[in-house]
Amino acid sequence: MPSKAAQVIITVIPIVGIVMGGIVLFFFLYWHHKQRVLIIEKGRYEKKEFDFNSFSLFAGLVLASIGICLVVFFVILEGFTYPVLSGLIPFSLGASLLIFFVIRINMNKDNNGQ
């Protein structure tokens, strides 16, 4: 059995890590907000448009590939049981994002052709 000092150190390390991570995150968000306020006050703010096409393609590919890997892993490991669902969920999300990407591209082509 480890000594009492080792148990205390093992207990304190995650607590300190979480607190320090929270402090770093707080100051990052605070300074980022201050920077945005100064940019807006000087009139140099430019709104960036979010690219749904690239996001849906990237997120769809990542989620679908993670889902396929999890499904294959759990099928090999345990057969078709409940853990396979942990791969089907990200796969179905990825597939739906890829379908959204294809539909959006086709709609943009139709709108530009008119």
PDB file of N, CA and C in Angstrom:
ATOM      1  N   MET A   1       0.847  -1.185   0.000  1.00  0.00           N
ATOM      2  CA  MET A   1       0.000   0.000   0.000  1.00  0.00           C
ATOM      3  C   MET A   1       0.885   1.239   0.000  1.00  0.00           C
ATOM      4  N   PRO A   2       0.576   2.219  -0.869  1.00  0.00           N
ATOM      5  CA  PRO A   2       1.403   3.434  -0.907  1.00  0.00           C
ATOM      6  C   PRO A   2       1.289   4.217   0.400  1.00  0.00           C
ATOM      7  N   SER A   3       2.296   5.022   0.629  1.00  0.00           N
ATOM      8  CA  SER A   3       2.306   5.822   1.859  1.00  0.00           C
ATOM      9  C   SER A   3       1.238   6.912   1.796  1.00  0.00           C
ATOM     10  N   LYS A   4       0.967   7.507   2.945  1.00  0.00           N
ATOM     11  CA  LYS A   4      -0.038   8.571   3.032  1.00  0.00           C
ATOM     12  C   LYS A   4       0.364   9.774   2.184  1.00  0.00           C
ATOM     13  N   ALA A   5       1.660  10.091   2.161  1.00  0.00           N
ATOM     14  CA  ALA A   5       2.131  11.233   1.372  1.00  0.00           C
ATOM     15  C   ALA A   5       1.889  10.999  -0.115  1.00  0.00           C
ATOM     16  N   ALA A   6       2.131   9.771  -0.583  1.00  0.00           N
ATOM     17  CA  ALA A   6       1.913   9.458  -1.995  1.00  0.00           C
ATOM     18  C   ALA A   6       0.431   9.556  -2.340  1.00  0.00           C
ATOM     19  N   GLN A   7      -0.433   9.114  -1.440  1.00  0.00           N
ATOM     20  CA  GLN A   7      -1.869   9.205  -1.679  1.00  0.00           C
ATOM     21  C   GLN A   7      -2.333  10.659  -1.755  1.00  0.00           C
ATOM     22  N   VAL A   8      -1.772  11.509  -0.902  1.00  0.00           N
ATOM     23  CA  VAL A   8      -2.127  12.928  -0.921  1.00  0.00           C
ATOM     24  C   VAL A   8      -1.676  13.564  -2.225  1.00  0.00           C
ATOM     25  N   ILE A   9      -0.455  13.257  -2.648  1.00  0.00           N
ATOM     26  CA  ILE A   9       0.072  13.828  -3.897  1.00  0.00           C
ATOM     27  C   ILE A   9      -0.769  13.362  -5.083  1.00  0.00           C
ATOM     28  N   ILE A  10      -1.117  12.077  -5.102  1.00  0.00           N
ATOM     29  CA  ILE A  10      -1.928  11.548  -6.200  1.00  0.00           C
ATOM     30  C   ILE A  10      -3.308  12.200  -6.215  1.00  0.00           C
ATOM     31  N   THR A  11      -3.822  12.559  -5.057  1.00  0.00           N
ATOM     32  CA  THR A  11      -5.124  13.207  -4.973  1.00  0.00           C
ATOM     33  C   THR A  11      -5.053  14.679  -5.360  1.00  0.00           C
ATOM     34  N   VAL A  12      -3.969  15.352  -5.004  1.00  0.00           N
ATOM     35  CA  VAL A  12      -3.859  16.797  -5.215  1.00  0.00           C
ATOM     36  C   VAL A  12      -3.530  17.141  -6.668  1.00  0.00           C
ATOM     37  N   ILE A  13      -2.771  16.302  -7.348  1.00  0.00           N
ATOM     38  CA  ILE A  13      -2.325  16.619  -8.711  1.00  0.00           C
ATOM     39  C   ILE A  13      -3.501  16.871  -9.660  1.00  0.00           C
ATOM     40  N   PRO A  14      -4.518  16.004  -9.740  1.00  0.00           N
ATOM     41  CA  PRO A  14      -5.633  16.317 -10.655  1.00  0.00           C
ATOM     42  C   PRO A  14      -6.402  17.577 -10.264  1.00  0.00           C
ATOM     43  N   ILE A  15      -6.548  17.808  -8.969  1.00  0.00           N
ATOM     44  CA  ILE A  15      -7.272  19.004  -8.526  1.00  0.00           C
ATOM     45  C   ILE A  15      -6.533  20.258  -8.968  1.00  0.00           C
ATOM     46  N   VAL A  16      -5.224  20.292  -8.740  1.00  0.00           N
ATOM     47  CA  VAL A  16      -4.419  21.448  -9.144  1.00  0.00           C
ATOM     48  C   VAL A  16      -4.444  21.604 -10.662  1.00  0.00           C
ATOM     49  N   GLY A  17      -4.367  20.498 -11.387  1.00  0.00           N
ATOM     50  CA  GLY A  17      -4.405  20.562 -12.848  1.00  0.00           C
ATOM     51  C   GLY A  17      -5.703  21.135 -13.372  1.00  0.00           C
ATOM     52  N   ILE A  18      -6.814  20.720 -12.784  1.00  0.00           N
ATOM     53  CA  ILE A  18      -8.115  21.229 -13.223  1.00  0.00           C
ATOM     54  C   ILE A  18      -8.248  22.712 -12.897  1.00  0.00           C
ATOM     55  N   VAL A  19      -7.829  23.108 -11.706  1.00  0.00           N
ATOM     56  CA  VAL A  19      -7.920  24.522 -11.314  1.00  0.00           C
ATOM     57  C   VAL A  19      -7.037  25.382 -12.216  1.00  0.00           C
ATOM     58  N   MET A  20      -5.803  24.953 -12.450  1.00  0.00           N
ATOM     59  CA  MET A  20      -4.895  25.736 -13.296  1.00  0.00           C
ATOM     60  C   MET A  20      -5.412  25.806 -14.734  1.00  0.00           C
ATOM     61  N   GLY A  21      -5.943  24.695 -15.235  1.00  0.00           N
ATOM     62  CA  GLY A  21      -6.527  24.714 -16.578  1.00  0.00           C
ATOM     63  C   GLY A  21      -7.698  25.672 -16.670  1.00  0.00           C
ATOM     64  N   GLY A  22      -8.520  25.707 -15.624  1.00  0.00           N
ATOM     65  CA  GLY A  22      -9.642  26.646 -15.594  1.00  0.00           C
ATOM     66  C   GLY A  22      -9.184  28.089 -15.584  1.00  0.00           C
ATOM     67  N   ILE A  23      -8.117  28.370 -14.830  1.00  0.00           N
ATOM     68  CA  ILE A  23      -7.580  29.736 -14.770  1.00  0.00           C
ATOM     69  C   ILE A  23      -7.020  30.154 -16.124  1.00  0.00           C
ATOM     70  N   VAL A  24      -6.269  29.259 -16.757  1.00  0.00           N
ATOM     71  CA  VAL A  24      -5.712  29.567 -18.081  1.00  0.00           C
ATOM     72  C   VAL A  24      -6.839  29.810 -19.085  1.00  0.00           C
ATOM     73  N   LEU A  25      -7.866  28.969 -19.068  1.00  0.00           N
ATOM     74  CA  LEU A  25      -8.994  29.146 -19.977  1.00  0.00           C
ATOM     75  C   LEU A  25      -9.717  30.465 -19.716  1.00  0.00           C
ATOM     76  N   PHE A  26      -9.901  30.818 -18.444  1.00  0.00           N
ATOM     77  CA  PHE A  26     -10.557  32.074 -18.102  1.00  0.00           C
ATOM     78  C   PHE A  26      -9.797  33.262 -18.679  1.00  0.00           C
ATOM     79  N   PHE A  27      -8.473  33.311 -18.454  1.00  0.00           N
ATOM     80  CA  PHE A  27      -7.705  34.450 -18.945  1.00  0.00           C
ATOM     81  C   PHE A  27      -7.629  34.476 -20.463  1.00  0.00           C
ATOM     82  N   PHE A  28      -7.598  33.314 -21.109  1.00  0.00           N
ATOM     83  CA  PHE A  28      -7.620  33.296 -22.571  1.00  0.00           C
ATOM     84  C   PHE A  28      -8.915  33.917 -23.086  1.00  0.00           C
ATOM     85  N   LEU A  29     -10.046  33.481 -22.532  1.00  0.00           N
ATOM     86  CA  LEU A  29     -11.329  34.034 -22.974  1.00  0.00           C
ATOM     87  C   LEU A  29     -11.448  35.517 -22.641  1.00  0.00           C
ATOM     88  N   TYR A  30     -10.950  35.923 -21.481  1.00  0.00           N
ATOM     89  CA  TYR A  30     -11.008  37.328 -21.068  1.00  0.00           C
ATOM     90  C   TYR A  30     -10.194  38.204 -22.010  1.00  0.00           C
ATOM     91  N   TRP A  31      -8.956  37.807 -22.315  1.00  0.00           N
ATOM     92  CA  TRP A  31      -8.103  38.604 -23.200  1.00  0.00           C
ATOM     93  C   TRP A  31      -8.620  38.591 -24.636  1.00  0.00           C
ATOM     94  N   HIS A  32      -9.188  37.484 -25.056  1.00  0.00           N
ATOM     95  CA  HIS A  32      -9.763  37.426 -26.398  1.00  0.00           C
ATOM     96  C   HIS A  32     -10.944  38.397 -26.503  1.00  0.00           C
ATOM     97  N   HIS A  33     -11.760  38.444 -25.454  1.00  0.00           N
ATOM     98  CA  HIS A  33     -12.887  39.381 -25.426  1.00  0.00           C
ATOM     99  C   HIS A  33     -12.393  40.829 -25.458  1.00  0.00           C
ATOM    100  N   LYS A  34     -11.385  41.147 -24.655  1.00  0.00           N
ATOM    101  CA  LYS A  34     -10.829  42.509 -24.638  1.00  0.00           C
ATOM    102  C   LYS A  34     -10.282  42.882 -26.014  1.00  0.00           C
ATOM    103  N   GLN A  35      -9.621  41.941 -26.663  1.00  0.00           N
ATOM    104  CA  GLN A  35      -9.076  42.200 -27.992  1.00  0.00           C
ATOM    105  C   GLN A  35     -10.203  42.504 -28.980  1.00  0.00           C
ATOM    106  N   ARG A  36     -11.271  41.720 -28.942  1.00  0.00           N
ATOM    107  CA  ARG A  36     -12.404  41.956 -29.834  1.00  0.00           C
ATOM    108  C   ARG A  36     -13.038  43.320 -29.577  1.00  0.00           C
ATOM    109  N   VAL A  37     -13.178  43.698 -28.309  1.00  0.00           N
ATOM    110  CA  VAL A  37     -13.771  44.995 -27.971  1.00  0.00           C
ATOM    111  C   VAL A  37     -12.919  46.125 -28.539  1.00  0.00           C
ATOM    112  N   LEU A  38     -11.598  46.037 -28.395  1.00  0.00           N
ATOM    113  CA  LEU A  38     -10.716  47.077 -28.932  1.00  0.00           C
ATOM    114  C   LEU A  38     -10.788  47.142 -30.455  1.00  0.00           C
ATOM    115  N   ILE A  39     -10.854  46.000 -31.104  1.00  0.00           N
ATOM    116  CA  ILE A  39     -10.954  45.980 -32.568  1.00  0.00           C
ATOM    117  C   ILE A  39     -12.264  46.621 -33.016  1.00  0.00           C
ATOM    118  N   ILE A  40     -13.352  46.344 -32.310  1.00  0.00           N
ATOM    119  CA  ILE A  40     -14.651  46.935 -32.654  1.00  0.00           C
ATOM    120  C   ILE A  40     -14.628  48.437 -32.424  1.00  0.00           C
ATOM    121  N   GLU A  41     -14.025  48.883 -31.320  1.00  0.00           N
ATOM    122  CA  GLU A  41     -13.957  50.317 -31.030  1.00  0.00           C
ATOM    123  C   GLU A  41     -13.166  51.073 -32.088  1.00  0.00           C
ATOM    124  N   LYS A  42     -12.136  50.450 -32.646  1.00  0.00           N
ATOM    125  CA  LYS A  42     -11.337  51.105 -33.678  1.00  0.00           C
ATOM    126  C   LYS A  42     -11.970  50.981 -35.059  1.00  0.00           C
ATOM    127  N   GLY A  43     -13.036  50.223 -35.169  1.00  0.00           N
ATOM    128  CA  GLY A  43     -13.722  50.087 -36.450  1.00  0.00           C
ATOM    129  C   GLY A  43     -13.030  49.158 -37.421  1.00  0.00           C
ATOM    130  N   ARG A  44     -12.217  48.261 -36.940  1.00  0.00           N
ATOM    131  CA  ARG A  44     -11.478  47.358 -37.819  1.00  0.00           C
ATOM    132  C   ARG A  44     -12.043  45.944 -37.799  1.00  0.00           C
ATOM    133  N   TYR A  45     -13.209  45.775 -37.226  1.00  0.00           N
ATOM    134  CA  TYR A  45     -13.803  44.440 -37.107  1.00  0.00           C
ATOM    135  C   TYR A  45     -14.402  44.018 -38.437  1.00  0.00           C
ATOM    136  N   GLU A  46     -14.057  42.821 -38.883  1.00  0.00           N
ATOM    137  CA  GLU A  46     -14.624  42.244 -40.095  1.00  0.00           C
ATOM    138  C   GLU A  46     -15.261  40.916 -39.721  1.00  0.00           C
ATOM    139  N   LYS A  47     -16.541  40.796 -39.991  1.00  0.00           N
ATOM    140  CA  LYS A  47     -17.243  39.569 -39.648  1.00  0.00           C
ATOM    141  C   LYS A  47     -16.812  38.458 -40.592  1.00  0.00           C
ATOM    142  N   LYS A  48     -16.432  37.330 -40.015  1.00  0.00           N
ATOM    143  CA  LYS A  48     -16.034  36.177 -40.814  1.00  0.00           C
ATOM    144  C   LYS A  48     -17.250  35.288 -41.020  1.00  0.00           C
ATOM    145  N   GLU A  49     -17.461  34.893 -42.257  1.00  0.00           N
ATOM    146  CA  GLU A  49     -18.585  34.016 -42.553  1.00  0.00           C
ATOM    147  C   GLU A  49     -18.172  32.574 -42.308  1.00  0.00           C
ATOM    148  N   PHE A  50     -19.081  31.799 -41.746  1.00  0.00           N
ATOM    149  CA  PHE A  50     -18.822  30.396 -41.449  1.00  0.00           C
ATOM    150  C   PHE A  50     -19.082  29.570 -42.696  1.00  0.00           C
ATOM    151  N   ASP A  51     -18.129  28.742 -43.076  1.00  0.00           N
ATOM    152  CA  ASP A  51     -18.241  27.925 -44.280  1.00  0.00           C
ATOM    153  C   ASP A  51     -18.905  26.587 -43.926  1.00  0.00           C
ATOM    154  N   PHE A  52     -20.223  26.520 -44.120  1.00  0.00           N
ATOM    155  CA  PHE A  52     -20.960  25.300 -43.785  1.00  0.00           C
ATOM    156  C   PHE A  52     -20.539  24.129 -44.659  1.00  0.00           C
ATOM    157  N   ASN A  53     -20.193  24.395 -45.912  1.00  0.00           N
ATOM    158  CA  ASN A  53     -19.819  23.306 -46.808  1.00  0.00           C
ATOM    159  C   ASN A  53     -18.567  22.595 -46.320  1.00  0.00           C
ATOM    160  N   SER A  54     -17.531  23.356 -46.021  1.00  0.00           N
ATOM    161  CA  SER A  54     -16.289  22.744 -45.552  1.00  0.00           C
ATOM    162  C   SER A  54     -16.481  22.068 -44.200  1.00  0.00           C
ATOM    163  N   PHE A  55     -17.236  22.708 -43.309  1.00  0.00           N
ATOM    164  CA  PHE A  55     -17.462  22.123 -41.991  1.00  0.00           C
ATOM    165  C   PHE A  55     -18.221  20.810 -42.087  1.00  0.00           C
ATOM    166  N   SER A  56     -19.299  20.789 -42.879  1.00  0.00           N
ATOM    167  CA  SER A  56     -20.087  19.562 -42.968  1.00  0.00           C
ATOM    168  C   SER A  56     -19.296  18.448 -43.642  1.00  0.00           C
ATOM    169  N   LEU A  57     -18.473  18.782 -44.638  1.00  0.00           N
ATOM    170  CA  LEU A  57     -17.644  17.766 -45.278  1.00  0.00           C
ATOM    171  C   LEU A  57     -16.611  17.226 -44.302  1.00  0.00           C
ATOM    172  N   PHE A  58     -15.880  18.108 -43.626  1.00  0.00           N
ATOM    173  CA  PHE A  58     -14.838  17.678 -42.696  1.00  0.00           C
ATOM    174  C   PHE A  58     -15.413  16.891 -41.526  1.00  0.00           C
ATOM    175  N   ALA A  59     -16.438  17.444 -40.872  1.00  0.00           N
ATOM    176  CA  ALA A  59     -17.022  16.770 -39.711  1.00  0.00           C
ATOM    177  C   ALA A  59     -17.677  15.454 -40.122  1.00  0.00           C
ATOM    178  N   GLY A  60     -18.305  15.432 -41.281  1.00  0.00           N
ATOM    179  CA  GLY A  60     -18.921  14.199 -41.758  1.00  0.00           C
ATOM    180  C   GLY A  60     -17.907  13.112 -42.014  1.00  0.00           C
ATOM    181  N   LEU A  61     -16.800  13.460 -42.661  1.00  0.00           N
ATOM    182  CA  LEU A  61     -15.758  12.466 -42.915  1.00  0.00           C
ATOM    183  C   LEU A  61     -15.137  11.960 -41.619  1.00  0.00           C
ATOM    184  N   VAL A  62     -14.864  12.866 -40.689  1.00  0.00           N
ATOM    185  CA  VAL A  62     -14.255  12.460 -39.417  1.00  0.00           C
ATOM    186  C   VAL A  62     -15.201  11.560 -38.632  1.00  0.00           C
ATOM    187  N   LEU A  63     -16.452  11.976 -38.482  1.00  0.00           N
ATOM    188  CA  LEU A  63     -17.399  11.179 -37.703  1.00  0.00           C
ATOM    189  C   LEU A  63     -17.691   9.836 -38.364  1.00  0.00           C
ATOM    190  N   ALA A  64     -17.842   9.825 -39.682  1.00  0.00           N
ATOM    191  CA  ALA A  64     -18.120   8.564 -40.367  1.00  0.00           C
ATOM    192  C   ALA A  64     -16.947   7.601 -40.239  1.00  0.00           C
ATOM    193  N   SER A  65     -15.728   8.096 -40.391  1.00  0.00           N
ATOM    194  CA  SER A  65     -14.573   7.205 -40.281  1.00  0.00           C
ATOM    195  C   SER A  65     -14.382   6.705 -38.852  1.00  0.00           C
ATOM    196  N   ILE A  66     -14.604   7.554 -37.860  1.00  0.00           N
ATOM    197  CA  ILE A  66     -14.522   7.103 -36.468  1.00  0.00           C
ATOM    198  C   ILE A  66     -15.600   6.058 -36.203  1.00  0.00           C
ATOM    199  N   GLY A  67     -16.807   6.297 -36.695  1.00  0.00           N
ATOM    200  CA  GLY A  67     -17.894   5.341 -36.504  1.00  0.00           C
ATOM    201  C   GLY A  67     -17.610   4.000 -37.148  1.00  0.00           C
ATOM    202  N   ILE A  68     -17.081   4.014 -38.371  1.00  0.00           N
ATOM    203  CA  ILE A  68     -16.750   2.760 -39.051  1.00  0.00           C
ATOM    204  C   ILE A  68     -15.677   2.006 -38.281  1.00  0.00           C
ATOM    205  N   CYS A  69     -14.653   2.717 -37.830  1.00  0.00           N
ATOM    206  CA  CYS A  69     -13.585   2.065 -37.057  1.00  0.00           C
ATOM    207  C   CYS A  69     -14.125   1.450 -35.771  1.00  0.00           C
ATOM    208  N   LEU A  70     -14.991   2.164 -35.063  1.00  0.00           N
ATOM    209  CA  LEU A  70     -15.565   1.621 -33.830  1.00  0.00           C
ATOM    210  C   LEU A  70     -16.448   0.410 -34.111  1.00  0.00           C
ATOM    211  N   VAL A  71     -17.252   0.466 -35.160  1.00  0.00           N
ATOM    212  CA  VAL A  71     -18.110  -0.669 -35.498  1.00  0.00           C
ATOM    213  C   VAL A  71     -17.267  -1.892 -35.823  1.00  0.00           C
ATOM    214  N   VAL A  72     -16.259  -1.724 -36.669  1.00  0.00           N
ATOM    215  CA  VAL A  72     -15.399  -2.850 -37.036  1.00  0.00           C
ATOM    216  C   VAL A  72     -14.696  -3.407 -35.801  1.00  0.00           C
ATOM    217  N   PHE A  73     -14.185  -2.530 -34.955  1.00  0.00           N
ATOM    218  CA  PHE A  73     -13.487  -2.966 -33.744  1.00  0.00           C
ATOM    219  C   PHE A  73     -14.399  -3.790 -32.841  1.00  0.00           C
ATOM    220  N   PHE A  74     -15.610  -3.292 -32.579  1.00  0.00           N
ATOM    221  CA  PHE A  74     -16.501  -4.001 -31.666  1.00  0.00           C
ATOM    222  C   PHE A  74     -17.091  -5.257 -32.288  1.00  0.00           C
ATOM    223  N   VAL A  75     -17.288  -5.282 -33.603  1.00  0.00           N
ATOM    224  CA  VAL A  75     -17.763  -6.502 -34.251  1.00  0.00           C
ATOM    225  C   VAL A  75     -16.696  -7.580 -34.154  1.00  0.00           C
ATOM    226  N   ILE A  76     -15.444  -7.216 -34.380  1.00  0.00           N
ATOM    227  CA  ILE A  76     -14.352  -8.186 -34.262  1.00  0.00           C
ATOM    228  C   ILE A  76     -14.188  -8.638 -32.817  1.00  0.00           C
ATOM    229  N   LEU A  77     -14.302  -7.708 -31.885  1.00  0.00           N
ATOM    230  CA  LEU A  77     -14.065  -8.009 -30.475  1.00  0.00           C
ATOM    231  C   LEU A  77     -15.190  -8.831 -29.855  1.00  0.00           C
ATOM    232  N   GLU A  78     -16.451  -8.423 -30.080  1.00  0.00           N
ATOM    233  CA  GLU A  78     -17.561  -9.052 -29.364  1.00  0.00           C
ATOM    234  C   GLU A  78     -18.694  -9.529 -30.261  1.00  0.00           C
ATOM    235  N   GLY A  79     -18.635  -9.318 -31.552  1.00  0.00           N
ATOM    236  CA  GLY A  79     -19.752  -9.665 -32.419  1.00  0.00           C
ATOM    237  C   GLY A  79     -20.798  -8.560 -32.400  1.00  0.00           C
ATOM    238  N   PHE A  80     -21.969  -8.857 -32.959  1.00  0.00           N
ATOM    239  CA  PHE A  80     -23.035  -7.847 -33.010  1.00  0.00           C
ATOM    240  C   PHE A  80     -23.756  -7.791 -31.666  1.00  0.00           C
ATOM    241  N   THR A  81     -23.253  -6.939 -30.784  1.00  0.00           N
ATOM    242  CA  THR A  81     -23.862  -6.735 -29.469  1.00  0.00           C
ATOM    243  C   THR A  81     -24.069  -5.240 -29.261  1.00  0.00           C
ATOM    244  N   TYR A  82     -24.471  -4.872 -28.051  1.00  0.00           N
ATOM    245  CA  TYR A  82     -24.765  -3.468 -27.763  1.00  0.00           C
ATOM    246  C   TYR A  82     -23.578  -2.519 -27.947  1.00  0.00           C
ATOM    247  N   PRO A  83     -22.344  -2.913 -27.687  1.00  0.00           N
ATOM    248  CA  PRO A  83     -21.239  -1.961 -27.912  1.00  0.00           C
ATOM    249  C   PRO A  83     -21.100  -1.491 -29.357  1.00  0.00           C
ATOM    250  N   VAL A  84     -21.661  -2.243 -30.309  1.00  0.00           N
ATOM    251  CA  VAL A  84     -21.603  -1.816 -31.713  1.00  0.00           C
ATOM    252  C   VAL A  84     -22.335  -0.487 -31.893  1.00  0.00           C
ATOM    253  N   LEU A  85     -23.337  -0.226 -31.047  1.00  0.00           N
ATOM    254  CA  LEU A  85     -24.075   1.036 -31.131  1.00  0.00           C
ATOM    255  C   LEU A  85     -23.172   2.240 -30.892  1.00  0.00           C
ATOM    256  N   SER A  86     -22.108   2.055 -30.118  1.00  0.00           N
ATOM    257  CA  SER A  86     -21.199   3.181 -29.876  1.00  0.00           C
ATOM    258  C   SER A  86     -20.468   3.592 -31.147  1.00  0.00           C
ATOM    259  N   GLY A  87     -20.441   2.749 -32.141  1.00  0.00           N
ATOM    260  CA  GLY A  87     -19.873   3.117 -33.429  1.00  0.00           C
ATOM    261  C   GLY A  87     -20.925   3.570 -34.423  1.00  0.00           C
ATOM    262  N   LEU A  88     -22.138   3.059 -34.270  1.00  0.00           N
ATOM    263  CA  LEU A  88     -23.197   3.434 -35.207  1.00  0.00           C
ATOM    264  C   LEU A  88     -23.667   4.866 -35.004  1.00  0.00           C
ATOM    265  N   ILE A  89     -23.587   5.360 -33.786  1.00  0.00           N
ATOM    266  CA  ILE A  89     -24.039   6.731 -33.517  1.00  0.00           C
ATOM    267  C   ILE A  89     -23.160   7.755 -34.237  1.00  0.00           C
ATOM    268  N   PRO A  90     -21.813   7.742 -34.061  1.00  0.00           N
ATOM    269  CA  PRO A  90     -21.014   8.714 -34.821  1.00  0.00           C
ATOM    270  C   PRO A  90     -21.059   8.459 -36.327  1.00  0.00           C
ATOM    271  N   PHE A  91     -21.197   7.177 -36.729  1.00  0.00           N
ATOM    272  CA  PHE A  91     -21.295   6.900 -38.159  1.00  0.00           C
ATOM    273  C   PHE A  91     -22.553   7.519 -38.755  1.00  0.00           C
ATOM    274  N   SER A  92     -23.687   7.392 -38.058  1.00  0.00           N
ATOM    275  CA  SER A  92     -24.925   7.965 -38.593  1.00  0.00           C
ATOM    276  C   SER A  92     -24.871   9.491 -38.608  1.00  0.00           C
ATOM    277  N   LEU A  93     -24.245  10.097 -37.603  1.00  0.00           N
ATOM    278  CA  LEU A  93     -24.073  11.555 -37.616  1.00  0.00           C
ATOM    279  C   LEU A  93     -23.191  11.986 -38.787  1.00  0.00           C
ATOM    280  N   GLY A  94     -22.090  11.267 -39.007  1.00  0.00           N
ATOM    281  CA  GLY A  94     -21.202  11.586 -40.121  1.00  0.00           C
ATOM    282  C   GLY A  94     -21.880  11.403 -41.462  1.00  0.00           C
ATOM    283  N   ALA A  95     -22.654  10.324 -41.592  1.00  0.00           N
ATOM    284  CA  ALA A  95     -23.367  10.085 -42.847  1.00  0.00           C
ATOM    285  C   ALA A  95     -24.390  11.183 -43.106  1.00  0.00           C
ATOM    286  N   SER A  96     -25.085  11.623 -42.056  1.00  0.00           N
ATOM    287  CA  SER A  96     -26.071  12.693 -42.256  1.00  0.00           C
ATOM    288  C   SER A  96     -25.394  14.004 -42.636  1.00  0.00           C
ATOM    289  N   LEU A  97     -24.226  14.295 -42.068  1.00  0.00           N
ATOM    290  CA  LEU A  97     -23.502  15.511 -42.460  1.00  0.00           C
ATOM    291  C   LEU A  97     -23.011  15.423 -43.906  1.00  0.00           C
ATOM    292  N   LEU A  98     -22.575  14.245 -44.332  1.00  0.00           N
ATOM    293  CA  LEU A  98     -22.148  14.083 -45.723  1.00  0.00           C
ATOM    294  C   LEU A  98     -23.332  14.212 -46.682  1.00  0.00           C
ATOM    295  N   ILE A  99     -24.486  13.686 -46.299  1.00  0.00           N
ATOM    296  CA  ILE A  99     -25.691  13.852 -47.117  1.00  0.00           C
ATOM    297  C   ILE A  99     -26.070  15.328 -47.195  1.00  0.00           C
ATOM    298  N   PHE A 100     -25.989  16.031 -46.063  1.00  0.00           N
ATOM    299  CA  PHE A 100     -26.252  17.475 -46.049  1.00  0.00           C
ATOM    300  C   PHE A 100     -25.301  18.200 -46.991  1.00  0.00           C
ATOM    301  N   PHE A 101     -24.017  17.817 -46.984  1.00  0.00           N
ATOM    302  CA  PHE A 101     -23.028  18.443 -47.856  1.00  0.00           C
ATOM    303  C   PHE A 101     -23.408  18.252 -49.322  1.00  0.00           C
ATOM    304  N   VAL A 102     -23.760  17.040 -49.699  1.00  0.00           N
ATOM    305  CA  VAL A 102     -24.115  16.755 -51.093  1.00  0.00           C
ATOM    306  C   VAL A 102     -25.366  17.535 -51.497  1.00  0.00           C
ATOM    307  N   ILE A 103     -26.372  17.561 -50.637  1.00  0.00           N
ATOM    308  CA  ILE A 103     -27.605  18.298 -50.944  1.00  0.00           C
ATOM    309  C   ILE A 103     -27.317  19.788 -51.074  1.00  0.00           C
ATOM    310  N   ARG A 104     -26.509  20.326 -50.185  1.00  0.00           N
ATOM    311  CA  ARG A 104     -26.193  21.764 -50.220  1.00  0.00           C
ATOM    312  C   ARG A 104     -25.421  22.131 -51.484  1.00  0.00           C
ATOM    313  N   ILE A 105     -24.464  21.298 -51.879  1.00  0.00           N
ATOM    314  CA  ILE A 105     -23.708  21.553 -53.112  1.00  0.00           C
ATOM    315  C   ILE A 105     -24.653  21.528 -54.313  1.00  0.00           C
ATOM    316  N   ASN A 106     -25.558  20.548 -54.349  1.00  0.00           N
ATOM    317  CA  ASN A 106     -26.508  20.470 -55.467  1.00  0.00           C
ATOM    318  C   ASN A 106     -27.452  21.663 -55.485  1.00  0.00           C
ATOM    319  N   MET A 107     -27.882  22.120 -54.325  1.00  0.00           N
ATOM    320  CA  MET A 107     -28.757  23.294 -54.272  1.00  0.00           C
ATOM    321  C   MET A 107     -28.020  24.545 -54.740  1.00  0.00           C
ATOM    322  N   ASN A 108     -26.745  24.682 -54.373  1.00  0.00           N
ATOM    323  CA  ASN A 108     -25.967  25.839 -54.818  1.00  0.00           C
ATOM    324  C   ASN A 108     -25.765  25.816 -56.326  1.00  0.00           C
ATOM    325  N   LYS A 109     -25.566  24.620 -56.903  1.00  0.00           N
ATOM    326  CA  LYS A 109     -25.422  24.515 -58.354  1.00  0.00           C
ATOM    327  C   LYS A 109     -26.717  24.914 -59.049  1.00  0.00           C
ATOM    328  N   ASP A 110     -27.852  24.462 -58.493  1.00  0.00           N
ATOM    329  CA  ASP A 110     -29.149  24.802 -59.093  1.00  0.00           C
ATOM    330  C   ASP A 110     -29.420  26.298 -59.004  1.00  0.00           C
ATOM    331  N   ASN A 111     -29.096  26.915 -57.883  1.00  0.00           N
ATOM    332  CA  ASN A 111     -29.333  28.352 -57.711  1.00  0.00           C
ATOM    333  C   ASN A 111     -28.424  29.184 -58.604  1.00  0.00           C
ATOM    334  N   ASN A 112     -27.185  28.741 -58.820  1.00  0.00           N
ATOM    335  CA  ASN A 112     -26.263  29.485 -59.679  1.00  0.00           C
ATOM    336  C   ASN A 112     -26.605  29.305 -61.150  1.00  0.00           C
ATOM    337  N   GLY A 113     -27.245  28.191 -61.503  1.00  0.00           N
ATOM    338  CA  GLY A 113     -27.588  27.930 -62.894  1.00  0.00           C
ATOM    339  C   GLY A 113     -28.819  28.678 -63.363  1.00  0.00           C
ATOM    340  N   GLN A 114     -29.628  29.183 -62.452  1.00  0.00           N
ATOM    341  CA  GLN A 114     -30.875  29.847 -62.844  1.00  0.00           C
ATOM    342  C   GLN A 114     -30.662  31.255 -63.276  1.00  0.00           C
TER     343      GLN A 114
END
